[in-house]
Amino acid sequence: MDPQKLKDVYHRLEALDERLTYKVRPRAGGGLSRPSVEQLEERHRHLAEFTVELKDIVHGLIVAIATRPKPKQ
């Protein structure tokens, strides 16, 4: 396992969480009104961006786990 790659992936995950998680998390209590088409499209874009970036982060995690650390010189 390469600890530096793992650390980098962790920072990417934290950045994703801070940037988009609150936008894709369901709202507590729901709501009595229906969202407009524009609101649904915006939520769909956020969810798509979150999903694609999360896939890249998971890929980076797998690579970090499978990679040997660089030897210290």
PDB file of N, CA and C in Angstrom:
ATOM      1  N   MET A   1       0.856  -1.178   0.000  1.00  0.00           N
ATOM      2  CA  MET A   1       0.000   0.000   0.000  1.00  0.00           C
ATOM      3  C   MET A   1       0.901   1.240   0.000  1.00  0.00           C
ATOM      4  N   ASP A   2       0.518   2.201  -0.801  1.00  0.00           N
ATOM      5  CA  ASP A   2       1.266   3.461  -0.882  1.00  0.00           C
ATOM      6  C   ASP A   2       0.581   4.495   0.013  1.00  0.00           C
ATOM      7  N   PRO A   3       1.176   4.824   1.165  1.00  0.00           N
ATOM      8  CA  PRO A   3       0.515   5.738   2.094  1.00  0.00           C
ATOM      9  C   PRO A   3       0.301   7.139   1.525  1.00  0.00           C
ATOM     10  N   GLN A   4       1.202   7.611   0.671  1.00  0.00           N
ATOM     11  CA  GLN A   4       1.031   8.948   0.104  1.00  0.00           C
ATOM     12  C   GLN A   4      -0.171   8.997  -0.839  1.00  0.00           C
ATOM     13  N   LYS A   5      -0.320   7.969  -1.675  1.00  0.00           N
ATOM     14  CA  LYS A   5      -1.487   7.913  -2.570  1.00  0.00           C
ATOM     15  C   LYS A   5      -2.771   7.810  -1.757  1.00  0.00           C
ATOM     16  N   LEU A   6      -2.726   7.019  -0.699  1.00  0.00           N
ATOM     17  CA  LEU A   6      -3.903   6.884   0.163  1.00  0.00           C
ATOM     18  C   LEU A   6      -4.269   8.229   0.788  1.00  0.00           C
ATOM     19  N   LYS A   7      -3.271   8.959   1.232  1.00  0.00           N
ATOM     20  CA  LYS A   7      -3.502  10.282   1.817  1.00  0.00           C
ATOM     21  C   LYS A   7      -4.095  11.237   0.781  1.00  0.00           C
ATOM     22  N   ASP A   8      -3.577  11.191  -0.449  1.00  0.00           N
ATOM     23  CA  ASP A   8      -4.103  12.048  -1.519  1.00  0.00           C
ATOM     24  C   ASP A   8      -5.566  11.731  -1.828  1.00  0.00           C
ATOM     25  N   VAL A   9      -5.879  10.433  -1.876  1.00  0.00           N
ATOM     26  CA  VAL A   9      -7.267  10.018  -2.139  1.00  0.00           C
ATOM     27  C   VAL A   9      -8.178  10.487  -1.011  1.00  0.00           C
ATOM     28  N   TYR A  10      -7.703  10.384   0.208  1.00  0.00           N
ATOM     29  CA  TYR A  10      -8.502  10.832   1.356  1.00  0.00           C
ATOM     30  C   TYR A  10      -8.806  12.328   1.250  1.00  0.00           C
ATOM     31  N   HIS A  11      -7.827  13.114   0.858  1.00  0.00           N
ATOM     32  CA  HIS A  11      -8.043  14.561   0.703  1.00  0.00           C
ATOM     33  C   HIS A  11      -9.041  14.852  -0.413  1.00  0.00           C
ATOM     34  N   ARG A  12      -8.991  14.074  -1.488  1.00  0.00           N
ATOM     35  CA  ARG A  12      -9.975  14.242  -2.567  1.00  0.00           C
ATOM     36  C   ARG A  12     -11.384  13.922  -2.068  1.00  0.00           C
ATOM     37  N   LEU A  13     -11.497  12.874  -1.256  1.00  0.00           N
ATOM     38  CA  LEU A  13     -12.798  12.502  -0.701  1.00  0.00           C
ATOM     39  C   LEU A  13     -13.332  13.591   0.224  1.00  0.00           C
ATOM     40  N   GLU A  14     -12.465  14.143   1.053  1.00  0.00           N
ATOM     41  CA  GLU A  14     -12.875  15.231   1.941  1.00  0.00           C
ATOM     42  C   GLU A  14     -13.336  16.453   1.136  1.00  0.00           C
ATOM     43  N   ALA A  15     -12.616  16.767   0.071  1.00  0.00           N
ATOM     44  CA  ALA A  15     -12.996  17.914  -0.765  1.00  0.00           C
ATOM     45  C   ALA A  15     -14.356  17.679  -1.428  1.00  0.00           C
ATOM     46  N   LEU A  16     -14.584  16.472  -1.908  1.00  0.00           N
ATOM     47  CA  LEU A  16     -15.879  16.134  -2.504  1.00  0.00           C
ATOM     48  C   LEU A  16     -16.985  16.278  -1.474  1.00  0.00           C
ATOM     49  N   ASP A  17     -16.746  15.779  -0.279  1.00  0.00           N
ATOM     50  CA  ASP A  17     -17.743  15.859   0.786  1.00  0.00           C
ATOM     51  C   ASP A  17     -18.104  17.308   1.089  1.00  0.00           C
ATOM     52  N   GLU A  18     -17.092  18.145   1.227  1.00  0.00           N
ATOM     53  CA  GLU A  18     -17.345  19.553   1.550  1.00  0.00           C
ATOM     54  C   GLU A  18     -18.056  20.280   0.406  1.00  0.00           C
ATOM     55  N   ARG A  19     -17.755  19.901  -0.830  1.00  0.00           N
ATOM     56  CA  ARG A  19     -18.287  20.621  -1.979  1.00  0.00           C
ATOM     57  C   ARG A  19     -19.700  20.178  -2.383  1.00  0.00           C
ATOM     58  N   LEU A  20     -20.005  18.884  -2.297  1.00  0.00           N
ATOM     59  CA  LEU A  20     -21.267  18.431  -2.889  1.00  0.00           C
ATOM     60  C   LEU A  20     -22.198  17.624  -1.996  1.00  0.00           C
ATOM     61  N   THR A  21     -21.721  17.056  -0.904  1.00  0.00           N
ATOM     62  CA  THR A  21     -22.591  16.167  -0.129  1.00  0.00           C
ATOM     63  C   THR A  21     -23.869  16.865   0.329  1.00  0.00           C
ATOM     64  N   TYR A  22     -23.758  18.097   0.767  1.00  0.00           N
ATOM     65  CA  TYR A  22     -24.958  18.786   1.251  1.00  0.00           C
ATOM     66  C   TYR A  22     -25.961  19.030   0.119  1.00  0.00           C
ATOM     67  N   LYS A  23     -25.481  19.048  -1.131  1.00  0.00           N
ATOM     68  CA  LYS A  23     -26.384  19.270  -2.260  1.00  0.00           C
ATOM     69  C   LYS A  23     -27.126  18.010  -2.675  1.00  0.00           C
ATOM     70  N   VAL A  24     -26.566  16.844  -2.396  1.00  0.00           N
ATOM     71  CA  VAL A  24     -27.216  15.600  -2.814  1.00  0.00           C
ATOM     72  C   VAL A  24     -27.904  14.877  -1.661  1.00  0.00           C
ATOM     73  N   ARG A  25     -27.663  15.310  -0.434  1.00  0.00           N
ATOM     74  CA  ARG A  25     -28.290  14.680   0.730  1.00  0.00           C
ATOM     75  C   ARG A  25     -29.784  15.024   0.744  1.00  0.00           C
ATOM     76  N   PRO A  26     -30.636  14.020   0.995  1.00  0.00           N
ATOM     77  CA  PRO A  26     -32.071  14.309   1.084  1.00  0.00           C
ATOM     78  C   PRO A  26     -32.356  15.282   2.224  1.00  0.00           C
ATOM     79  N   ARG A  27     -33.300  16.129   2.002  1.00  0.00           N
ATOM     80  CA  ARG A  27     -33.653  17.110   3.025  1.00  0.00           C
ATOM     81  C   ARG A  27     -34.508  16.455   4.106  1.00  0.00           C
ATOM     82  N   ALA A  28     -34.238  16.817   5.340  1.00  0.00           N
ATOM     83  CA  ALA A  28     -34.987  16.256   6.458  1.00  0.00           C
ATOM     84  C   ALA A  28     -36.436  16.723   6.402  1.00  0.00           C
ATOM     85  N   GLY A  29     -37.336  15.809   6.617  1.00  0.00           N
ATOM     86  CA  GLY A  29     -38.746  16.160   6.644  1.00  0.00           C
ATOM     87  C   GLY A  29     -39.381  16.266   5.277  1.00  0.00           C
ATOM     88  N   GLY A  30     -38.568  16.087   4.218  1.00  0.00           N
ATOM     89  CA  GLY A  30     -39.133  16.159   2.871  1.00  0.00           C
ATOM     90  C   GLY A  30     -39.568  17.564   2.539  1.00  0.00           C
ATOM     91  N   GLY A  31     -40.789  17.723   2.246  1.00  0.00           N
ATOM     92  CA  GLY A  31     -41.341  19.026   1.905  1.00  0.00           C
ATOM     93  C   GLY A  31     -42.726  18.834   1.347  1.00  0.00           C
ATOM     94  N   LEU A  32     -43.523  19.839   1.457  1.00  0.00           N
ATOM     95  CA  LEU A  32     -44.896  19.710   0.981  1.00  0.00           C
ATOM     96  C   LEU A  32     -45.054  20.139  -0.470  1.00  0.00           C
ATOM     97  N   SER A  33     -44.090  20.871  -0.988  1.00  0.00           N
ATOM     98  CA  SER A  33     -44.202  21.317  -2.383  1.00  0.00           C
ATOM     99  C   SER A  33     -43.326  20.456  -3.282  1.00  0.00           C
ATOM    100  N   ARG A  34     -43.727  20.352  -4.534  1.00  0.00           N
ATOM    101  CA  ARG A  34     -42.959  19.590  -5.508  1.00  0.00           C
ATOM    102  C   ARG A  34     -41.904  20.495  -6.130  1.00  0.00           C
ATOM    103  N   PRO A  35     -40.696  19.962  -6.356  1.00  0.00           N
ATOM    104  CA  PRO A  35     -39.660  20.783  -6.986  1.00  0.00           C
ATOM    105  C   PRO A  35     -39.995  21.052  -8.452  1.00  0.00           C
ATOM    106  N   SER A  36     -39.511  22.169  -8.951  1.00  0.00           N
ATOM    107  CA  SER A  36     -39.731  22.505 -10.354  1.00  0.00           C
ATOM    108  C   SER A  36     -38.805  21.660 -11.231  1.00  0.00           C
ATOM    109  N   VAL A  37     -39.031  21.694 -12.523  1.00  0.00           N
ATOM    110  CA  VAL A  37     -38.195  20.962 -13.467  1.00  0.00           C
ATOM    111  C   VAL A  37     -36.752  21.462 -13.376  1.00  0.00           C
ATOM    112  N   GLU A  38     -36.586  22.763 -13.243  1.00  0.00           N
ATOM    113  CA  GLU A  38     -35.246  23.334 -13.142  1.00  0.00           C
ATOM    114  C   GLU A  38     -34.531  22.846 -11.879  1.00  0.00           C
ATOM    115  N   GLN A  39     -35.251  22.765 -10.771  1.00  0.00           N
ATOM    116  CA  GLN A  39     -34.665  22.274  -9.522  1.00  0.00           C
ATOM    117  C   GLN A  39     -34.273  20.805  -9.647  1.00  0.00           C
ATOM    118  N   LEU A  40     -35.133  20.020 -10.287  1.00  0.00           N
ATOM    119  CA  LEU A  40     -34.816  18.610 -10.495  1.00  0.00           C
ATOM    120  C   LEU A  40     -33.599  18.444 -11.393  1.00  0.00           C
ATOM    121  N   GLU A  41     -33.502  19.259 -12.439  1.00  0.00           N
ATOM    122  CA  GLU A  41     -32.348  19.189 -13.333  1.00  0.00           C
ATOM    123  C   GLU A  41     -31.065  19.553 -12.591  1.00  0.00           C
ATOM    124  N   GLU A  42     -31.131  20.575 -11.750  1.00  0.00           N
ATOM    125  CA  GLU A  42     -29.963  20.980 -10.989  1.00  0.00           C
ATOM    126  C   GLU A  42     -29.538  19.874 -10.019  1.00  0.00           C
ATOM    127  N   ARG A  43     -30.505  19.274  -9.343  1.00  0.00           N
ATOM    128  CA  ARG A  43     -30.188  18.184  -8.419  1.00  0.00           C
ATOM    129  C   ARG A  43     -29.594  16.993  -9.177  1.00  0.00           C
ATOM    130  N   HIS A  44     -30.121  16.730 -10.357  1.00  0.00           N
ATOM    131  CA  HIS A  44     -29.603  15.642 -11.183  1.00  0.00           C
ATOM    132  C   HIS A  44     -28.148  15.915 -11.576  1.00  0.00           C
ATOM    133  N   ARG A  45     -27.822  17.149 -11.953  1.00  0.00           N
ATOM    134  CA  ARG A  45     -26.446  17.510 -12.305  1.00  0.00           C
ATOM    135  C   ARG A  45     -25.511  17.325 -11.111  1.00  0.00           C
ATOM    136  N   HIS A  46     -25.946  17.765  -9.933  1.00  0.00           N
ATOM    137  CA  HIS A  46     -25.129  17.604  -8.727  1.00  0.00           C
ATOM    138  C   HIS A  46     -24.895  16.121  -8.422  1.00  0.00           C
ATOM    139  N   LEU A  47     -25.944  15.333  -8.518  1.00  0.00           N
ATOM    140  CA  LEU A  47     -25.832  13.908  -8.236  1.00  0.00           C
ATOM    141  C   LEU A  47     -24.924  13.220  -9.256  1.00  0.00           C
ATOM    142  N   ALA A  48     -25.042  13.594 -10.522  1.00  0.00           N
ATOM    143  CA  ALA A  48     -24.177  13.014 -11.546  1.00  0.00           C
ATOM    144  C   ALA A  48     -22.719  13.384 -11.290  1.00  0.00           C
ATOM    145  N   GLU A  49     -22.444  14.643 -10.970  1.00  0.00           N
ATOM    146  CA  GLU A  49     -21.081  15.081 -10.683  1.00  0.00           C
ATOM    147  C   GLU A  49     -20.525  14.340  -9.468  1.00  0.00           C
ATOM    148  N   PHE A  50     -21.324  14.219  -8.430  1.00  0.00           N
ATOM    149  CA  PHE A  50     -20.920  13.521  -7.219  1.00  0.00           C
ATOM    150  C   PHE A  50     -20.585  12.064  -7.532  1.00  0.00           C
ATOM    151  N   THR A  51     -21.441  11.400  -8.301  1.00  0.00           N
ATOM    152  CA  THR A  51     -21.263   9.992  -8.611  1.00  0.00           C
ATOM    153  C   THR A  51     -19.996   9.739  -9.419  1.00  0.00           C
ATOM    154  N   VAL A  52     -19.766  10.543 -10.440  1.00  0.00           N
ATOM    155  CA  VAL A  52     -18.585  10.360 -11.286  1.00  0.00           C
ATOM    156  C   VAL A  52     -17.313  10.615 -10.483  1.00  0.00           C
ATOM    157  N   GLU A  53     -17.305  11.662  -9.687  1.00  0.00           N
ATOM    158  CA  GLU A  53     -16.116  11.959  -8.900  1.00  0.00           C
ATOM    159  C   GLU A  53     -15.883  10.893  -7.832  1.00  0.00           C
ATOM    160  N   LEU A  54     -16.942  10.390  -7.236  1.00  0.00           N
ATOM    161  CA  LEU A  54     -16.804   9.326  -6.240  1.00  0.00           C
ATOM    162  C   LEU A  54     -16.240   8.059  -6.882  1.00  0.00           C
ATOM    163  N   LYS A  55     -16.655   7.755  -8.098  1.00  0.00           N
ATOM    164  CA  LYS A  55     -16.102   6.605  -8.822  1.00  0.00           C
ATOM    165  C   LYS A  55     -14.602   6.781  -9.012  1.00  0.00           C
ATOM    166  N   ASP A  56     -14.164   7.978  -9.390  1.00  0.00           N
ATOM    167  CA  ASP A  56     -12.733   8.242  -9.569  1.00  0.00           C
ATOM    168  C   ASP A  56     -11.967   8.102  -8.251  1.00  0.00           C
ATOM    169  N   ILE A  57     -12.569   8.540  -7.168  1.00  0.00           N
ATOM    170  CA  ILE A  57     -11.926   8.438  -5.854  1.00  0.00           C
ATOM    171  C   ILE A  57     -11.791   6.978  -5.443  1.00  0.00           C
ATOM    172  N   VAL A  58     -12.823   6.180  -5.669  1.00  0.00           N
ATOM    173  CA  VAL A  58     -12.755   4.755  -5.331  1.00  0.00           C
ATOM    174  C   VAL A  58     -11.672   4.078  -6.173  1.00  0.00           C
ATOM    175  N   HIS A  59     -11.581   4.442  -7.445  1.00  0.00           N
ATOM    176  CA  HIS A  59     -10.528   3.905  -8.306  1.00  0.00           C
ATOM    177  C   HIS A  59      -9.156   4.266  -7.730  1.00  0.00           C
ATOM    178  N   GLY A  60      -8.974   5.523  -7.332  1.00  0.00           N
ATOM    179  CA  GLY A  60      -7.722   5.951  -6.732  1.00  0.00           C
ATOM    180  C   GLY A  60      -7.412   5.199  -5.451  1.00  0.00           C
ATOM    181  N   LEU A  61      -8.431   4.900  -4.668  1.00  0.00           N
ATOM    182  CA  LEU A  61      -8.254   4.136  -3.434  1.00  0.00           C
ATOM    183  C   LEU A  61      -7.750   2.736  -3.737  1.00  0.00           C
ATOM    184  N   ILE A  62      -8.342   2.094  -4.720  1.00  0.00           N
ATOM    185  CA  ILE A  62      -7.918   0.747  -5.098  1.00  0.00           C
ATOM    186  C   ILE A  62      -6.469   0.762  -5.583  1.00  0.00           C
ATOM    187  N   VAL A  63      -6.120   1.751  -6.394  1.00  0.00           N
ATOM    188  CA  VAL A  63      -4.740   1.877  -6.874  1.00  0.00           C
ATOM    189  C   VAL A  63      -3.790   2.108  -5.698  1.00  0.00           C
ATOM    190  N   ALA A  64      -4.167   2.963  -4.758  1.00  0.00           N
ATOM    191  CA  ALA A  64      -3.315   3.241  -3.599  1.00  0.00           C
ATOM    192  C   ALA A  64      -3.086   1.982  -2.766  1.00  0.00           C
ATOM    193  N   ILE A  65      -4.110   1.185  -2.618  1.00  0.00           N
ATOM    194  CA  ILE A  65      -3.980  -0.042  -1.834  1.00  0.00           C
ATOM    195  C   ILE A  65      -3.112  -1.061  -2.569  1.00  0.00           C
ATOM    196  N   ALA A  66      -3.231  -1.110  -3.887  1.00  0.00           N
ATOM    197  CA  ALA A  66      -2.505  -2.111  -4.669  1.00  0.00           C
ATOM    198  C   ALA A  66      -1.074  -1.702  -5.015  1.00  0.00           C
ATOM    199  N   THR A  67      -0.703  -0.453  -4.789  1.00  0.00           N
ATOM    200  CA  THR A  67       0.612   0.039  -5.165  1.00  0.00           C
ATOM    201  C   THR A  67       1.577  -0.038  -3.992  1.00  0.00           C
ATOM    202  N   ARG A  68       2.777  -0.448  -4.303  1.00  0.00           N
ATOM    203  CA  ARG A  68       3.818  -0.460  -3.269  1.00  0.00           C
ATOM    204  C   ARG A  68       4.354   0.949  -3.099  1.00  0.00           C
ATOM    205  N   PRO A  69       4.690   1.304  -1.882  1.00  0.00           N
ATOM    206  CA  PRO A  69       5.241   2.654  -1.666  1.00  0.00           C
ATOM    207  C   PRO A  69       6.579   2.809  -2.382  1.00  0.00           C
ATOM    208  N   LYS A  70       6.879   4.043  -2.771  1.00  0.00           N
ATOM    209  CA  LYS A  70       8.149   4.330  -3.406  1.00  0.00           C
ATOM    210  C   LYS A  70       9.259   4.206  -2.360  1.00  0.00           C
ATOM    211  N   PRO A  71      10.369   3.586  -2.743  1.00  0.00           N
ATOM    212  CA  PRO A  71      11.449   3.456  -1.759  1.00  0.00           C
ATOM    213  C   PRO A  71      12.036   4.818  -1.412  1.00  0.00           C
ATOM    214  N   LYS A  72      12.391   4.977  -0.148  1.00  0.00           N
ATOM    215  CA  LYS A  72      12.972   6.246   0.299  1.00  0.00           C
ATOM    216  C   LYS A  72      14.432   6.271  -0.107  1.00  0.00           C
ATOM    217  N   GLN A  73      14.869   7.425  -0.575  1.00  0.00           N
ATOM    218  CA  GLN A  73      16.253   7.554  -1.027  1.00  0.00           C
ATOM    219  C   GLN A  73      17.045   8.426  -0.127  1.00  0.00           C
TER     220      GLN A  73
END
